[in-house]
Amino acid sequence: MPRARGGPRSRQRARELLIKALYQWQLAGHSAAEIVEQFAADERFERSDREYFEALLPTVIDNAATLDETIARQAARGLDQLDAVGRAILLLALAELKYRGDVPTKVVINEAVELAKRYGAAESYKFVNALLDRTARELQRDGVAEAKA
């Protein structure tokens, strides 16, 4: 299994930057290339897993409609009630669950919960945890995430 360049902290920094990038994408509508260019100027970008950031950002943006459908299907509340930070966290984590077989499911969920605790609305981490747990079980049942156990 490939390891993040710079270790797990490097990948955590990439996730934090991805949340900020996805927030910006939602508000400003910039392309993935424009956002990568902007973030590359940030010194934190150099200490992050750049390859992970650069691979995952366009994956999330290109698949946002499908990922939003998953959120809407799994959430008890409407997608319109989800704030931009919460949506960014869920989009990132769902993309990791669906498209990154190299990241264990438990890691994806734990990282998303920590991001929700740090950047999300109060108690949003509970919603994030429940939604991702249901989705992970569904993906495993459907065979999408077989190698991630």
C-alpha atoms as a PDB file:
ATOM      1  CA  MET A   1       0.000   0.000   0.000  1.00  0.00           C
ATOM      2  CA  PRO A   2       1.512   3.358  -0.982  1.00  0.00           C
ATOM      3  CA  ARG A   3       2.372   5.668   1.891  1.00  0.00           C
ATOM      4  CA  ALA A   4       1.873   9.391   1.882  1.00  0.00           C
ATOM      5  CA  ARG A   5       5.038  11.274   1.051  1.00  0.00           C
ATOM      6  CA  GLY A   6       6.126  12.909   4.283  1.00  0.00           C
ATOM      7  CA  GLY A   7       4.092  10.518   6.430  1.00  0.00           C
ATOM      8  CA  PRO A   8       0.555  10.645   7.786  1.00  0.00           C
ATOM      9  CA  ARG A   9       0.843  14.261   8.984  1.00  0.00           C
ATOM     10  CA  SER A  10       1.577  15.306   5.414  1.00  0.00           C
ATOM     11  CA  ARG A  11      -1.648  13.664   4.277  1.00  0.00           C
ATOM     12  CA  GLN A  12      -3.568  15.309   7.153  1.00  0.00           C
ATOM     13  CA  ARG A  13      -2.279  18.705   6.023  1.00  0.00           C
ATOM     14  CA  ALA A  14      -3.385  17.878   2.470  1.00  0.00           C
ATOM     15  CA  ARG A  15      -6.892  17.078   3.755  1.00  0.00           C
ATOM     16  CA  GLU A  16      -7.062  20.358   5.683  1.00  0.00           C
ATOM     17  CA  LEU A  17      -6.056  22.250   2.564  1.00  0.00           C
ATOM     18  CA  LEU A  18      -8.534  20.249   0.491  1.00  0.00           C
ATOM     19  CA  ILE A  19     -11.363  21.291   2.821  1.00  0.00           C
ATOM     20  CA  LYS A  20     -10.355  24.927   2.356  1.00  0.00           C
ATOM     21  CA  ALA A  21     -10.015  24.449  -1.401  1.00  0.00           C
ATOM     22  CA  LEU A  22     -13.433  22.793  -1.668  1.00  0.00           C
ATOM     23  CA  TYR A  23     -14.960  25.554   0.410  1.00  0.00           C
ATOM     24  CA  GLN A  24     -13.459  28.090  -1.971  1.00  0.00           C
ATOM     25  CA  TRP A  25     -14.656  26.083  -4.986  1.00  0.00           C
ATOM     26  CA  GLN A  26     -18.226  26.113  -3.641  1.00  0.00           C
ATOM     27  CA  LEU A  27     -18.193  29.868  -3.062  1.00  0.00           C
ATOM     28  CA  ALA A  28     -16.177  31.113  -6.034  1.00  0.00           C
ATOM     29  CA  GLY A  29     -16.581  28.332  -8.597  1.00  0.00           C
ATOM     30  CA  HIS A  30     -12.913  28.279  -9.635  1.00  0.00           C
ATOM     31  CA  SER A  31     -11.588  25.302 -11.554  1.00  0.00           C
ATOM     32  CA  ALA A  32      -9.415  22.673  -9.886  1.00  0.00           C
ATOM     33  CA  ALA A  33      -6.391  23.958 -11.831  1.00  0.00           C
ATOM     34  CA  GLU A  34      -6.960  27.540 -10.630  1.00  0.00           C
ATOM     35  CA  ILE A  35      -7.322  26.391  -7.035  1.00  0.00           C
ATOM     36  CA  VAL A  36      -4.191  24.230  -7.182  1.00  0.00           C
ATOM     37  CA  GLU A  37      -2.266  27.197  -8.555  1.00  0.00           C
ATOM     38  CA  GLN A  38      -3.510  29.430  -5.714  1.00  0.00           C
ATOM     39  CA  PHE A  39      -2.758  26.871  -3.016  1.00  0.00           C
ATOM     40  CA  ALA A  40       0.702  26.090  -4.415  1.00  0.00           C
ATOM     41  CA  ALA A  41       1.759  29.576  -3.279  1.00  0.00           C
ATOM     42  CA  ASP A  42       0.923  28.700   0.362  1.00  0.00           C
ATOM     43  CA  GLU A  43       3.883  27.482   2.446  1.00  0.00           C
ATOM     44  CA  ARG A  44       1.632  24.854   4.068  1.00  0.00           C
ATOM     45  CA  PHE A  45       1.160  23.323   0.624  1.00  0.00           C
ATOM     46  CA  GLU A  46       4.871  22.438   0.529  1.00  0.00           C
ATOM     47  CA  ARG A  47       4.540  20.535   3.821  1.00  0.00           C
ATOM     48  CA  SER A  48       1.467  18.640   2.636  1.00  0.00           C
ATOM     49  CA  ASP A  49       1.098  15.589   0.430  1.00  0.00           C
ATOM     50  CA  ARG A  50       0.886  17.650  -2.767  1.00  0.00           C
ATOM     51  CA  GLU A  51       0.301  14.660  -5.013  1.00  0.00           C
ATOM     52  CA  TYR A  52      -2.676  13.624  -2.911  1.00  0.00           C
ATOM     53  CA  PHE A  53      -4.115  17.150  -2.982  1.00  0.00           C
ATOM     54  CA  GLU A  54      -3.587  17.506  -6.721  1.00  0.00           C
ATOM     55  CA  ALA A  55      -5.147  14.102  -7.448  1.00  0.00           C
ATOM     56  CA  LEU A  56      -8.113  14.369  -5.113  1.00  0.00           C
ATOM     57  CA  LEU A  57      -9.274  17.927  -5.781  1.00  0.00           C
ATOM     58  CA  PRO A  58     -10.303  17.325  -9.409  1.00  0.00           C
ATOM     59  CA  THR A  59     -11.740  13.932  -8.453  1.00  0.00           C
ATOM     60  CA  VAL A  60     -14.065  15.591  -5.939  1.00  0.00           C
ATOM     61  CA  ILE A  61     -15.018  18.447  -8.252  1.00  0.00           C
ATOM     62  CA  ASP A  62     -15.613  16.169 -11.245  1.00  0.00           C
ATOM     63  CA  ASN A  63     -17.760  13.795  -9.173  1.00  0.00           C
ATOM     64  CA  ALA A  64     -19.516  16.350  -6.958  1.00  0.00           C
ATOM     65  CA  ALA A  65     -22.992  15.618  -8.359  1.00  0.00           C
ATOM     66  CA  THR A  66     -22.642  11.884  -7.670  1.00  0.00           C
ATOM     67  CA  LEU A  67     -21.193  12.546  -4.216  1.00  0.00           C
ATOM     68  CA  ASP A  68     -24.029  14.996  -3.455  1.00  0.00           C
ATOM     69  CA  GLU A  69     -26.521  12.275  -4.416  1.00  0.00           C
ATOM     70  CA  THR A  70     -24.891  10.002  -1.853  1.00  0.00           C
ATOM     71  CA  ILE A  71     -25.130  12.712   0.803  1.00  0.00           C
ATOM     72  CA  ALA A  72     -28.779  13.371  -0.030  1.00  0.00           C
ATOM     73  CA  ARG A  73     -29.608   9.656   0.059  1.00  0.00           C
ATOM     74  CA  GLN A  74     -27.826   9.035   3.371  1.00  0.00           C
ATOM     75  CA  ALA A  75     -28.791  12.235   5.195  1.00  0.00           C
ATOM     76  CA  ALA A  76     -31.937  12.603   7.221  1.00  0.00           C
ATOM     77  CA  ARG A  77     -31.955  16.306   6.368  1.00  0.00           C
ATOM     78  CA  GLY A  78     -31.851  17.993   2.993  1.00  0.00           C
ATOM     79  CA  LEU A  79     -28.625  18.804   1.215  1.00  0.00           C
ATOM     80  CA  ASP A  80     -29.652  22.471   1.258  1.00  0.00           C
ATOM     81  CA  GLN A  81     -29.356  22.447   5.069  1.00  0.00           C
ATOM     82  CA  LEU A  82     -25.693  21.480   4.904  1.00  0.00           C
ATOM     83  CA  ASP A  83     -23.207  24.346   5.281  1.00  0.00           C
ATOM     84  CA  ALA A  84     -20.297  24.707   2.850  1.00  0.00           C
ATOM     85  CA  VAL A  85     -17.695  23.418   5.337  1.00  0.00           C
ATOM     86  CA  GLY A  86     -19.745  20.345   6.200  1.00  0.00           C
ATOM     87  CA  ARG A  87     -20.345  19.654   2.524  1.00  0.00           C
ATOM     88  CA  ALA A  88     -16.621  20.029   1.772  1.00  0.00           C
ATOM     89  CA  ILE A  89     -15.735  17.526   4.500  1.00  0.00           C
ATOM     90  CA  LEU A  90     -18.317  15.035   3.256  1.00  0.00           C
ATOM     91  CA  LEU A  91     -17.366  15.454  -0.409  1.00  0.00           C
ATOM     92  CA  LEU A  92     -13.715  14.819   0.419  1.00  0.00           C
ATOM     93  CA  ALA A  93     -14.393  11.798   2.615  1.00  0.00           C
ATOM     94  CA  LEU A  94     -16.882  10.262   0.187  1.00  0.00           C
ATOM     95  CA  ALA A  95     -14.395  10.674  -2.660  1.00  0.00           C
ATOM     96  CA  GLU A  96     -11.766   8.918  -0.542  1.00  0.00           C
ATOM     97  CA  LEU A  97     -14.190   6.100   0.256  1.00  0.00           C
ATOM     98  CA  LYS A  98     -15.307   5.663  -3.351  1.00  0.00           C
ATOM     99  CA  TYR A  99     -12.202   6.403  -5.384  1.00  0.00           C
ATOM    100  CA  ARG A 100      -9.145   5.869  -3.175  1.00  0.00           C
ATOM    101  CA  GLY A 101      -8.668   2.180  -2.485  1.00  0.00           C
ATOM    102  CA  ASP A 102      -5.295   2.952  -0.891  1.00  0.00           C
ATOM    103  CA  VAL A 103      -6.878   4.699   2.105  1.00  0.00           C
ATOM    104  CA  PRO A 104      -8.454   2.448   4.766  1.00  0.00           C
ATOM    105  CA  THR A 105     -12.105   3.146   5.549  1.00  0.00           C
ATOM    106  CA  LYS A 106     -11.385   3.713   9.241  1.00  0.00           C
ATOM    107  CA  VAL A 107      -8.777   6.341   8.377  1.00  0.00           C
ATOM    108  CA  VAL A 108     -11.178   8.165   6.051  1.00  0.00           C
ATOM    109  CA  ILE A 109     -13.917   8.286   8.686  1.00  0.00           C
ATOM    110  CA  ASN A 110     -11.597   9.231  11.556  1.00  0.00           C
ATOM    111  CA  GLU A 111      -9.956  12.017   9.557  1.00  0.00           C
ATOM    112  CA  ALA A 112     -13.337  13.403   8.442  1.00  0.00           C
ATOM    113  CA  VAL A 113     -14.638  13.370  12.010  1.00  0.00           C
ATOM    114  CA  GLU A 114     -11.527  15.225  13.202  1.00  0.00           C
ATOM    115  CA  LEU A 115     -11.924  17.799  10.416  1.00  0.00           C
ATOM    116  CA  ALA A 116     -15.582  18.258  11.377  1.00  0.00           C
ATOM    117  CA  LYS A 117     -14.615  18.763  15.027  1.00  0.00           C
ATOM    118  CA  ARG A 118     -11.996  21.309  14.024  1.00  0.00           C
ATOM    119  CA  TYR A 119     -13.720  23.215  11.218  1.00  0.00           C
ATOM    120  CA  GLY A 120     -17.378  22.209  11.201  1.00  0.00           C
ATOM    121  CA  ALA A 121     -20.401  23.449  13.066  1.00  0.00           C
ATOM    122  CA  ALA A 122     -20.873  22.288  16.656  1.00  0.00           C
ATOM    123  CA  GLU A 123     -21.811  18.620  16.846  1.00  0.00           C
ATOM    124  CA  SER A 124     -21.486  18.242  13.045  1.00  0.00           C
ATOM    125  CA  TYR A 125     -18.921  15.507  13.587  1.00  0.00           C
ATOM    126  CA  LYS A 126     -21.727  13.188  14.733  1.00  0.00           C
ATOM    127  CA  PHE A 127     -23.588  13.714  11.456  1.00  0.00           C
ATOM    128  CA  VAL A 128     -20.364  13.218   9.463  1.00  0.00           C
ATOM    129  CA  ASN A 129     -19.542  10.025  11.353  1.00  0.00           C
ATOM    130  CA  ALA A 130     -23.011   8.513  10.915  1.00  0.00           C
ATOM    131  CA  LEU A 131     -23.281   9.380   7.223  1.00  0.00           C
ATOM    132  CA  LEU A 132     -19.823   8.060   6.374  1.00  0.00           C
ATOM    133  CA  ASP A 133     -20.335   4.900   8.401  1.00  0.00           C
ATOM    134  CA  ARG A 134     -23.581   4.131   6.542  1.00  0.00           C
ATOM    135  CA  THR A 135     -21.978   4.879   3.199  1.00  0.00           C
ATOM    136  CA  ALA A 136     -18.917   2.730   3.943  1.00  0.00           C
ATOM    137  CA  ARG A 137     -21.136  -0.218   4.873  1.00  0.00           C
ATOM    138  CA  GLU A 138     -23.153   0.285   1.693  1.00  0.00           C
ATOM    139  CA  LEU A 139     -20.011   0.436  -0.447  1.00  0.00           C
ATOM    140  CA  GLN A 140     -18.605  -2.697   1.164  1.00  0.00           C
ATOM    141  CA  ARG A 141     -21.907  -4.486   0.639  1.00  0.00           C
ATOM    142  CA  ASP A 142     -21.865  -3.437  -3.018  1.00  0.00           C
ATOM    143  CA  GLY A 143     -18.253  -4.551  -3.418  1.00  0.00           C
ATOM    144  CA  VAL A 144     -16.861  -1.067  -4.117  1.00  0.00           C
ATOM    145  CA  ALA A 145     -14.671  -0.985  -1.046  1.00  0.00           C
ATOM    146  CA  GLU A 146     -13.796  -4.668  -0.651  1.00  0.00           C
ATOM    147  CA  ALA A 147     -10.075  -4.065  -0.348  1.00  0.00           C
ATOM    148  CA  LYS A 148     -10.465  -1.374   2.295  1.00  0.00           C
ATOM    149  CA  ALA A 149     -11.330  -3.406   5.390  1.00  0.00           C
END
